[in-house]
């Protein structure tokens, strides 16, 4: 059995469609619609959702309603609702909205760090430590993230030793979770599997998530490689939406439906109803008037199609 080979037969997917998925769209999605989609995704079985980022609305207009959205969440105790922050002002706003889980990240690429956070990598590390200190002092769970961990469109190859040093840096701050992001989709299965095995060893009993983009069509291959390395937490976005406004040619995340379907076929459990997630993707497609990058949601709209 495949699930015997992987040991733990449960894989956790964190839905990031409401944050990463929407942040580069040309149209603004109303707050009411975002709240409806969050409730639909929770009903579909998602237990972790990143719902917003607390960034300046001039830079990411889609997140201008982050404060209102987070205050109005219909929170369920069994669900983790998180938000992304990249500076101290973001932490303050998130705390004021009652967020109990924050994703605080920096980039392994100095160039990307300056474009994304207006800080050098060295400055970002100092800021990261202070953000984590403030959040944890308020009893907030922190997931420490490393962007561009597998390559950068500006700098090219990112040395694995630099990523491992940042992992150690994050762990030393006391973060409860780690997340490595293939922000550019440049990671390949062999390199990813080798690095993640080392990261998991350093992390010990702290969960490690992978945030994979499908820019070079390697997303699901990288999921399989990561599973072999021992990763059991992945970020996904309904319909494969997503992208970073500060990375050249950045495209969508691995699709929630596609990833869950692959895992289910392999005998791994996610607790997710992919048909319900696909309904959200179909609604998004109708709003945009164009197909989304994901594949499976399109099949699921065809009546009578068997998904084995």
Protein backbone atom coordinates (compact mmCIF):
# COMPACT_ATOMS: atom_id res chain seq x y z
CA UNK A 1 0.00 0.00 0.00
CA UNK A 2 1.26 3.48 -0.88
CA UNK A 3 0.06 4.99 2.38
CA UNK A 4 2.09 2.38 4.27
CA UNK A 5 5.18 3.53 2.39
CA UNK A 6 4.52 7.11 3.47
CA UNK A 7 3.78 6.20 7.08
CA UNK A 8 1.38 8.91 8.24
CA UNK A 9 -1.67 8.55 6.01
CA UNK A 10 -3.03 12.06 6.70
CA UNK A 11 -1.88 15.15 4.82
CA UNK A 12 -2.87 18.69 5.81
CA UNK A 13 -3.64 21.25 3.10
CA UNK A 14 -3.78 24.93 3.97
CA UNK A 15 -6.06 26.86 1.64
CA UNK A 16 -4.39 30.10 0.51
CA UNK A 17 -6.74 31.06 -2.27
CA UNK A 18 -8.18 33.97 -0.33
CA UNK A 19 -4.74 35.54 0.15
CA UNK A 20 -2.18 34.37 -2.39
CA UNK A 21 -4.88 33.40 -4.84
CA UNK A 22 -6.55 36.78 -5.02
CA UNK A 23 -3.70 39.22 -4.47
CA UNK A 24 -2.70 39.67 -8.12
CA UNK A 25 -6.18 39.66 -9.68
CA UNK A 26 -7.06 42.70 -11.83
CA UNK A 27 -10.49 42.98 -10.19
CA UNK A 28 -11.38 43.62 -6.55
CA UNK A 29 -13.41 40.85 -4.91
CA UNK A 30 -16.06 42.20 -2.49
CA UNK A 31 -15.59 41.38 1.19
CA UNK A 32 -18.97 39.66 1.33
CA UNK A 33 -17.94 37.30 -1.47
CA UNK A 34 -14.65 36.49 0.25
CA UNK A 35 -16.50 35.67 3.46
CA UNK A 36 -18.91 33.38 1.58
CA UNK A 37 -16.03 31.55 -0.05
CA UNK A 38 -14.26 31.11 3.28
CA UNK A 39 -17.39 29.51 4.74
CA UNK A 40 -17.77 27.28 1.64
CA UNK A 41 -14.16 26.12 1.91
CA UNK A 42 -14.57 25.35 5.61
CA UNK A 43 -17.71 23.37 4.74
CA UNK A 44 -15.59 21.47 2.18
CA UNK A 45 -13.36 20.23 4.99
CA UNK A 46 -10.46 22.71 4.97
CA UNK A 47 -9.14 23.09 8.52
CA UNK A 48 -6.53 25.74 7.77
CA UNK A 49 -7.12 28.87 5.71
CA UNK A 50 -4.90 31.89 5.15
CA UNK A 51 -7.51 34.55 4.61
CA UNK A 52 -5.60 37.82 4.17
CA UNK A 53 -2.32 39.68 4.33
CA UNK A 54 -1.85 42.86 6.32
CA UNK A 55 0.05 44.89 3.74
CA UNK A 56 -0.35 48.45 2.50
CA UNK A 57 -3.44 48.67 0.25
CA UNK A 58 -1.57 50.86 -2.21
CA UNK A 59 0.83 47.97 -2.84
CA UNK A 60 -1.73 45.13 -2.80
CA UNK A 61 -5.19 46.71 -3.32
CA UNK A 62 -6.96 43.33 -3.03
CA UNK A 63 -6.01 43.21 0.67
CA UNK A 64 -7.43 46.65 1.52
CA UNK A 65 -10.28 44.98 3.42
CA UNK A 66 -8.05 42.70 5.51
CA UNK A 67 -9.02 44.31 8.82
CA UNK A 68 -12.76 44.16 8.12
CA UNK A 69 -12.58 40.64 6.73
CA UNK A 70 -10.72 39.25 9.74
CA UNK A 71 -13.07 40.93 12.21
CA UNK A 72 -16.10 39.48 10.43
CA UNK A 73 -14.92 35.87 10.12
CA UNK A 74 -17.44 33.25 11.23
CA UNK A 75 -14.77 31.44 13.21
CA UNK A 76 -15.05 27.74 13.98
CA UNK A 77 -12.98 26.32 16.82
CA UNK A 78 -11.72 23.43 14.72
CA UNK A 79 -10.38 25.74 11.99
CA UNK A 80 -7.16 27.78 11.95
CA UNK A 81 -7.63 31.16 10.28
CA UNK A 82 -4.29 32.81 9.59
CA UNK A 83 -2.95 36.00 8.04
CA UNK A 84 0.37 36.92 6.45
CA UNK A 85 2.40 39.82 7.85
CA UNK A 86 5.74 41.15 6.61
CA UNK A 87 6.36 44.10 8.95
CA UNK A 88 5.63 45.36 12.47
CA UNK A 89 2.65 47.44 11.35
CA UNK A 90 1.11 44.30 9.90
CA UNK A 91 1.55 42.47 13.21
CA UNK A 92 -0.17 45.31 15.07
CA UNK A 93 -3.12 45.31 12.67
CA UNK A 94 -3.50 41.53 12.86
CA UNK A 95 -3.46 41.57 16.65
CA UNK A 96 -6.11 44.30 16.70
CA UNK A 97 -8.34 42.04 14.56
CA UNK A 98 -8.04 39.11 16.94
CA UNK A 99 -5.98 36.83 14.69
CA UNK A 100 -4.58 33.89 16.64
CA UNK A 101 -2.22 32.55 13.97
CA UNK A 102 0.23 34.58 11.90
CA UNK A 103 2.49 33.68 9.01
CA UNK A 104 5.62 35.82 9.25
CA UNK A 105 8.05 35.39 6.40
CA UNK A 106 11.16 36.73 4.76
CA UNK A 107 12.87 35.94 1.48
CA UNK A 108 16.05 33.92 0.98
CA UNK A 109 16.74 36.25 -1.95
CA UNK A 110 18.14 39.65 -1.02
CA UNK A 111 16.84 41.17 -4.27
CA UNK A 112 13.34 39.80 -3.79
CA UNK A 113 13.40 40.89 -0.14
CA UNK A 114 14.06 44.47 -1.18
CA UNK A 115 11.27 44.39 -3.76
CA UNK A 116 8.75 42.60 -1.52
CA UNK A 117 9.47 44.06 1.92
CA UNK A 118 11.70 47.06 1.16
CA UNK A 119 14.41 45.50 3.33
CA UNK A 120 17.70 43.74 2.73
CA UNK A 121 17.85 40.13 3.88
CA UNK A 122 19.91 41.17 6.90
CA UNK A 123 17.39 43.86 7.82
CA UNK A 124 14.53 41.41 7.27
CA UNK A 125 16.05 38.97 9.75
CA UNK A 126 16.20 41.65 12.44
CA UNK A 127 12.61 42.66 11.72
CA UNK A 128 11.50 39.02 11.69
CA UNK A 129 12.86 38.41 15.18
CA UNK A 130 11.06 41.46 16.54
CA UNK A 131 7.76 40.53 14.87
CA UNK A 132 7.92 37.01 16.26
CA UNK A 133 8.78 38.34 19.72
CA UNK A 134 5.77 40.66 19.78
CA UNK A 135 3.36 38.06 18.40
CA UNK A 136 4.44 35.28 20.77
CA UNK A 137 4.30 37.66 23.74
CA UNK A 138 0.58 38.03 22.93
CA UNK A 139 0.06 34.26 22.78
CA UNK A 140 -0.10 34.17 18.98
CA UNK A 141 1.02 31.04 17.09
CA UNK A 142 3.63 31.90 14.47
CA UNK A 143 4.52 30.08 11.28
CA UNK A 144 7.93 31.24 10.11
CA UNK A 145 8.25 31.34 6.34
CA UNK A 146 11.14 31.43 3.87
CA UNK A 147 10.25 32.70 0.39
CA UNK A 148 12.25 31.91 -2.76
CA UNK A 149 13.75 28.93 -0.95
CA UNK A 150 14.31 26.99 -4.18
CA UNK A 151 15.31 29.71 -6.62
CA UNK A 152 14.87 33.38 -7.51
CA UNK A 153 14.01 34.96 -10.87
CA UNK A 154 16.36 37.85 -10.05
CA UNK A 155 19.31 36.02 -8.45
CA UNK A 156 18.90 32.53 -9.89
CA UNK A 157 20.17 29.68 -7.70
CA UNK A 158 19.66 30.07 -3.95
CA UNK A 159 22.35 28.15 -2.02
CA UNK A 160 20.75 25.45 0.17
CA UNK A 161 23.19 26.43 2.94
CA UNK A 162 21.58 29.89 3.06
CA UNK A 163 18.13 28.35 3.38
CA UNK A 164 19.28 26.03 6.16
CA UNK A 165 20.83 28.99 8.01
CA UNK A 166 17.48 30.79 7.77
CA UNK A 167 15.70 27.68 9.05
CA UNK A 168 17.99 27.70 12.09
CA UNK A 169 17.39 31.44 12.48
CA UNK A 170 13.62 30.92 12.47
CA UNK A 171 13.76 28.00 14.90
CA UNK A 172 15.90 30.05 17.30
CA UNK A 173 13.16 32.69 17.47
CA UNK A 174 10.72 30.10 18.80
CA UNK A 175 8.31 29.85 15.87
CA UNK A 176 5.85 26.99 16.29
CA UNK A 177 5.84 26.04 12.59
CA UNK A 178 8.01 26.43 9.51
CA UNK A 179 7.10 26.95 5.86
CA UNK A 180 9.37 26.95 2.81
CA UNK A 181 8.06 28.52 -0.37
CA UNK A 182 8.96 27.72 -3.95
CA UNK A 183 7.73 31.21 -4.77
CA UNK A 184 9.03 31.11 -8.34
CA UNK A 185 8.26 27.47 -9.18
CA UNK A 186 11.95 26.88 -9.94
CA UNK A 187 12.34 23.96 -7.52
CA UNK A 188 12.77 20.45 -8.93
CA UNK A 189 11.87 17.15 -7.24
CA UNK A 190 15.42 15.93 -6.65
CA UNK A 191 16.75 19.16 -5.13
CA UNK A 192 13.57 19.72 -3.15
CA UNK A 193 13.58 16.22 -1.68
CA UNK A 194 17.21 16.53 -0.60
CA UNK A 195 16.76 19.94 1.05
CA UNK A 196 13.47 19.10 2.75
CA UNK A 197 14.97 16.01 4.38
CA UNK A 198 17.55 18.29 6.02
CA UNK A 199 14.94 20.87 7.01
CA UNK A 200 12.73 18.25 8.64
CA UNK A 201 15.68 16.94 10.62
CA UNK A 202 16.45 20.43 11.93
CA UNK A 203 12.78 21.14 12.72
CA UNK A 204 12.32 18.05 14.87
CA UNK A 205 8.73 17.91 16.09
CA UNK A 206 7.79 21.32 14.67
CA UNK A 207 5.54 21.03 11.58
CA UNK A 208 7.06 22.00 8.24
CA UNK A 209 4.87 23.12 5.34
CA UNK A 210 5.66 23.56 1.65
CA UNK A 211 4.23 26.41 -0.40
CA UNK A 212 4.56 25.33 -4.02
CA UNK A 213 3.90 27.33 -7.17
CA UNK A 214 3.30 25.64 -10.50
CA UNK A 215 5.05 28.18 -12.74
CA UNK A 216 7.15 25.53 -14.50
CA UNK A 217 4.49 22.77 -14.26
CA UNK A 218 6.41 20.83 -11.59
CA UNK A 219 4.08 21.49 -8.66
CA UNK A 220 2.59 18.03 -8.20
CA UNK A 221 5.90 16.31 -8.98
CA UNK A 222 7.36 18.37 -6.15
CA UNK A 223 4.49 17.31 -3.87
CA UNK A 224 5.38 13.66 -4.50
CA UNK A 225 9.07 14.28 -3.83
CA UNK A 226 8.24 16.15 -0.64
CA UNK A 227 6.02 13.32 0.56
CA UNK A 228 8.94 10.95 0.13
CA UNK A 229 11.08 13.29 2.23
CA UNK A 230 8.46 13.26 4.99
CA UNK A 231 6.51 16.49 4.41
CA UNK A 232 2.84 16.25 5.39
CA UNK A 233 1.72 19.88 5.15
CA UNK A 234 1.17 21.77 1.87
CA UNK A 235 -0.26 25.16 0.91
CA UNK A 236 -2.74 25.13 -1.97
CA UNK A 237 -5.21 27.49 -3.62
CA UNK A 238 -8.61 26.72 -5.11
CA UNK A 239 -8.46 26.54 -8.89
CA UNK A 240 -4.68 27.02 -8.84
CA UNK A 241 -4.94 30.78 -8.36
CA UNK A 242 -2.03 32.84 -7.09
CA UNK A 243 1.20 34.64 -7.75
CA UNK A 244 3.49 37.27 -6.28
CA UNK A 245 3.29 40.86 -7.57
CA UNK A 246 7.02 41.26 -6.91
CA UNK A 247 8.31 38.25 -8.88
CA UNK A 248 8.69 38.16 -12.66
CA UNK A 249 6.38 35.61 -14.31
CA UNK A 250 5.06 34.30 -10.99
CA UNK A 251 1.98 32.16 -11.54
CA UNK A 252 -0.44 30.18 -9.47
CA UNK A 253 -0.19 27.84 -6.53
CA UNK A 254 -0.78 24.13 -6.85
CA UNK A 255 -4.55 23.74 -7.00
CA UNK A 256 -6.37 22.50 -3.92
CA UNK A 257 -8.58 20.17 -5.97
CA UNK A 258 -5.71 18.74 -8.02
CA UNK A 259 -3.51 18.17 -4.97
CA UNK A 260 -6.25 16.60 -2.85
CA UNK A 261 -7.27 14.32 -5.72
CA UNK A 262 -3.69 13.12 -6.22
CA UNK A 263 -3.33 12.43 -2.49
CA UNK A 264 -6.66 10.58 -2.34
CA UNK A 265 -5.65 8.38 -5.29
CA UNK A 266 -2.47 7.49 -3.40
CA UNK A 267 -4.45 6.41 -0.35
CA UNK A 268 -3.64 9.51 1.70
CA UNK A 269 -6.41 11.32 3.59
CA UNK A 270 -7.05 15.07 3.55
CA UNK A 271 -10.63 15.33 4.84
CA UNK A 272 -11.46 17.55 1.87
CA UNK A 273 -14.47 17.30 -0.41
CA UNK A 274 -12.94 18.27 -3.74
CA UNK A 275 -16.29 18.76 -5.45
CA UNK A 276 -17.22 21.45 -2.94
CA UNK A 277 -13.88 23.18 -3.45
CA UNK A 278 -14.39 22.95 -7.21
CA UNK A 279 -17.66 24.84 -6.84
CA UNK A 280 -15.73 27.81 -5.43
CA UNK A 281 -13.35 27.62 -8.38
CA UNK A 282 -16.25 27.58 -10.83
CA UNK A 283 -17.71 30.68 -9.18
CA UNK A 284 -14.33 32.40 -9.43
CA UNK A 285 -14.05 31.41 -13.09
CA UNK A 286 -17.47 32.93 -13.77
CA UNK A 287 -16.45 36.20 -12.08
CA UNK A 288 -13.20 36.42 -14.05
CA UNK A 289 -14.73 35.26 -17.32
CA UNK A 290 -11.72 33.02 -17.96
CA UNK A 291 -10.52 29.54 -16.95
CA UNK A 292 -8.34 29.14 -13.86
CA UNK A 293 -4.97 27.32 -13.96
CA UNK A 294 -6.24 24.25 -12.09
CA UNK A 295 -7.31 21.17 -14.02
CA UNK A 296 -9.61 19.04 -11.90
CA UNK A 297 -12.36 21.58 -11.23
CA UNK A 298 -13.10 21.63 -14.95
CA UNK A 299 -13.59 17.86 -15.04
CA UNK A 300 -15.85 17.98 -12.01
CA UNK A 301 -18.29 20.29 -13.76
CA UNK A 302 -18.96 17.55 -16.31
CA UNK A 303 -21.83 15.40 -15.06
CA UNK A 304 -21.17 11.67 -15.00
CA UNK A 305 -17.37 11.92 -14.95
CA UNK A 306 -15.87 9.31 -12.62
CA UNK A 307 -12.96 10.38 -10.44
CA UNK A 308 -11.19 7.20 -9.29
